[in-house]
């Protein structure tokens, strides 16, 4: 498929709306599955975090430790930030998916690369640059970050986007 044909596909009636819809559903799915992964791995298996702390940490990374003074508000803010980010990544993938599909790239392979890029952008560019409480990197945190963002976030996101956009 030529670039012109892909542009026409995205701009066709329902094309952009369909991509946004697929991306939002994929992002929501990925946002839920990555938290399930983190609850199981970090809170239950490794006991390195609490379920509340996992959610609160999202707000702390964005606004610094002082946000904990909000109490339950920090939890709500963490949920809002987490899902807004997941939805944005979902829509981003959905806009790239038609070009990848046209080139014969399988969704799971695309997701593995996409998850690594998402983790690198969020943790190594945005948080490292703008966060008042930048993440601390250990071997465990890097491995967990890459695993969670590829297998638990990007793969479910990509499979949902692929399935939903196949029906368009």
Protein backbone atom coordinates (compact mmCIF):
# COMPACT_ATOMS: atom_id res chain seq x y z
CA UNK A 1 0.00 0.00 0.00
CA UNK A 2 1.42 3.38 -0.96
CA UNK A 3 1.80 6.26 1.47
CA UNK A 4 -0.97 8.08 -0.39
CA UNK A 5 -3.29 5.09 0.01
CA UNK A 6 -2.48 4.86 3.74
CA UNK A 7 -3.21 8.57 4.16
CA UNK A 8 -6.52 8.06 2.36
CA UNK A 9 -7.30 5.10 4.61
CA UNK A 10 -6.74 7.16 7.76
CA UNK A 11 -8.67 10.15 6.44
CA UNK A 12 -11.57 8.11 5.03
CA UNK A 13 -14.88 8.40 6.88
CA UNK A 14 -14.52 6.39 10.06
CA UNK A 15 -10.77 5.96 9.45
CA UNK A 16 -9.53 8.51 11.94
CA UNK A 17 -12.50 7.94 14.24
CA UNK A 18 -11.91 4.20 14.03
CA UNK A 19 -8.20 4.59 14.82
CA UNK A 20 -8.96 6.78 17.81
CA UNK A 21 -11.62 4.37 19.05
CA UNK A 22 -9.30 1.37 18.63
CA UNK A 23 -6.45 3.24 20.28
CA UNK A 24 -8.55 4.25 23.28
CA UNK A 25 -9.77 0.70 23.79
CA UNK A 26 -6.25 -0.67 23.32
CA UNK A 27 -4.81 1.91 25.72
CA UNK A 28 -7.45 1.13 28.33
CA UNK A 29 -6.70 -2.59 27.98
CA UNK A 30 -2.95 -2.01 28.24
CA UNK A 31 -3.44 0.29 31.23
CA UNK A 32 -5.39 -2.39 33.08
CA UNK A 33 -3.08 -5.27 32.16
CA UNK A 34 0.11 -3.45 33.17
CA UNK A 35 -1.36 -2.75 36.59
CA UNK A 36 -2.40 -6.38 36.96
CA UNK A 37 1.20 -7.33 36.11
CA UNK A 38 2.60 -4.86 38.64
CA UNK A 39 0.18 -5.99 41.35
CA UNK A 40 1.13 -9.62 40.80
CA UNK A 41 4.88 -9.14 40.33
CA UNK A 42 5.73 -6.15 42.55
CA UNK A 43 3.13 -6.42 45.30
CA UNK A 44 2.44 -10.13 45.53
CA UNK A 45 5.53 -12.03 44.33
CA UNK A 46 8.38 -9.65 45.13
CA UNK A 47 6.68 -7.66 47.90
CA UNK A 48 8.59 -4.52 46.83
CA UNK A 49 5.49 -2.31 46.70
CA UNK A 50 1.94 -2.14 47.97
CA UNK A 51 -1.04 -1.97 45.61
CA UNK A 52 -1.77 1.57 46.86
CA UNK A 53 1.89 2.53 46.49
CA UNK A 54 2.01 1.40 42.88
CA UNK A 55 -0.80 3.78 41.97
CA UNK A 56 0.44 6.61 44.18
CA UNK A 57 3.93 6.32 42.67
CA UNK A 58 2.58 7.56 39.33
CA UNK A 59 1.60 10.87 40.93
CA UNK A 60 4.87 11.04 42.89
CA UNK A 61 6.94 10.60 39.71
CA UNK A 62 5.04 13.45 38.06
CA UNK A 63 4.75 15.92 40.95
CA UNK A 64 7.27 14.83 43.57
CA UNK A 65 6.91 13.31 47.05
CA UNK A 66 4.90 16.28 48.37
CA UNK A 67 1.88 14.96 46.44
CA UNK A 68 1.55 12.23 49.10
CA UNK A 69 0.11 14.91 51.40
CA UNK A 70 -3.03 14.78 49.25
CA UNK A 71 -3.77 11.36 50.73
CA UNK A 72 -6.44 9.67 48.64
CA UNK A 73 -6.12 12.55 46.17
CA UNK A 74 -2.64 11.26 45.26
CA UNK A 75 -4.19 7.88 44.46
CA UNK A 76 -6.89 9.47 42.28
CA UNK A 77 -4.30 11.66 40.56
CA UNK A 78 -2.12 8.58 39.95
CA UNK A 79 -5.04 6.74 38.33
CA UNK A 80 -5.84 9.74 36.13
CA UNK A 81 -2.22 10.17 35.01
CA UNK A 82 -1.77 6.45 34.39
CA UNK A 83 -4.85 6.07 32.22
CA UNK A 84 -4.40 9.37 30.36
CA UNK A 85 -0.90 8.22 29.44
CA UNK A 86 -2.07 4.72 28.50
CA UNK A 87 -4.84 6.12 26.31
CA UNK A 88 -2.40 8.48 24.56
CA UNK A 89 0.00 5.61 23.84
CA UNK A 90 -2.92 3.52 22.58
CA UNK A 91 -4.02 6.18 20.11
CA UNK A 92 -0.41 6.65 19.02
CA UNK A 93 -0.08 2.93 18.26
CA UNK A 94 -3.41 2.92 16.42
CA UNK A 95 -2.20 5.65 14.08
CA UNK A 96 0.99 3.71 13.31
CA UNK A 97 -0.76 0.34 12.95
CA UNK A 98 -2.15 0.74 9.37
CA UNK A 99 1.35 1.50 8.03
CA UNK A 100 2.85 -1.42 9.94
CA UNK A 101 0.07 -3.79 8.84
CA UNK A 102 0.54 -2.69 5.20
CA UNK A 103 4.22 -3.64 5.45
CA UNK A 104 3.40 -7.08 6.85
CA UNK A 105 4.60 -6.40 10.40
CA UNK A 106 2.90 -8.63 12.95
CA UNK A 107 1.18 -6.80 15.83
CA UNK A 108 3.05 -8.63 18.60
CA UNK A 109 6.44 -7.84 17.08
CA UNK A 110 5.43 -4.19 16.63
CA UNK A 111 4.25 -4.16 20.26
CA UNK A 112 7.58 -5.43 21.58
CA UNK A 113 9.41 -2.56 19.93
CA UNK A 114 6.64 -0.08 20.80
CA UNK A 115 6.74 -1.07 24.49
CA UNK A 116 10.49 -0.50 24.68
CA UNK A 117 10.13 2.88 22.97
CA UNK A 118 7.27 3.84 25.30
CA UNK A 119 9.29 2.94 28.39
CA UNK A 120 12.36 4.75 27.12
CA UNK A 121 10.42 7.90 26.26
CA UNK A 122 8.48 8.00 29.52
CA UNK A 123 11.23 7.03 31.92
CA UNK A 124 14.44 8.07 30.23
CA UNK A 125 13.29 11.26 28.55
CA UNK A 126 10.19 12.72 30.18
CA UNK A 127 10.64 11.69 33.81
CA UNK A 128 14.41 12.06 33.80
CA UNK A 129 14.06 15.55 32.35
CA UNK A 130 10.95 16.99 33.99
CA UNK A 131 10.15 15.01 37.14
CA UNK A 132 10.88 16.57 40.52
CA UNK A 133 11.38 12.97 41.70
CA UNK A 134 13.08 11.18 38.78
CA UNK A 135 13.12 7.40 38.81
CA UNK A 136 16.06 5.54 40.31
CA UNK A 137 17.44 2.89 37.99
CA UNK A 138 18.50 -0.51 39.23
CA UNK A 139 18.92 -3.67 37.25
CA UNK A 140 15.61 -4.88 38.66
CA UNK A 141 13.73 -1.67 37.82
CA UNK A 142 15.02 -1.66 34.23
CA UNK A 143 14.16 -5.33 33.65
CA UNK A 144 10.75 -4.88 35.27
CA UNK A 145 10.10 -1.70 33.31
CA UNK A 146 10.92 -3.30 29.99
CA UNK A 147 8.96 -6.47 30.80
CA UNK A 148 5.89 -4.61 32.02
CA UNK A 149 5.82 -2.11 29.17
CA UNK A 150 6.33 -4.71 26.45
CA UNK A 151 4.57 -7.89 27.55
CA UNK A 152 1.97 -6.51 29.94
CA UNK A 153 1.17 -3.18 28.26
CA UNK A 154 2.09 -2.99 24.58
CA UNK A 155 1.21 -6.55 23.52
CA UNK A 156 -2.39 -6.47 24.86
CA UNK A 157 -2.74 -2.92 23.50
CA UNK A 158 -1.54 -3.95 20.03
CA UNK A 159 -3.71 -7.06 19.86
CA UNK A 160 -6.81 -5.05 20.77
CA UNK A 161 -5.96 -2.35 18.21
CA UNK A 162 -5.30 -5.01 15.56
CA UNK A 163 -8.58 -6.80 16.23
CA UNK A 164 -10.66 -3.64 16.40
CA UNK A 165 -9.13 -2.09 13.28
CA UNK A 166 -9.53 -5.34 11.32
CA UNK A 167 -13.29 -4.90 11.66
CA UNK A 168 -13.24 -1.34 10.28
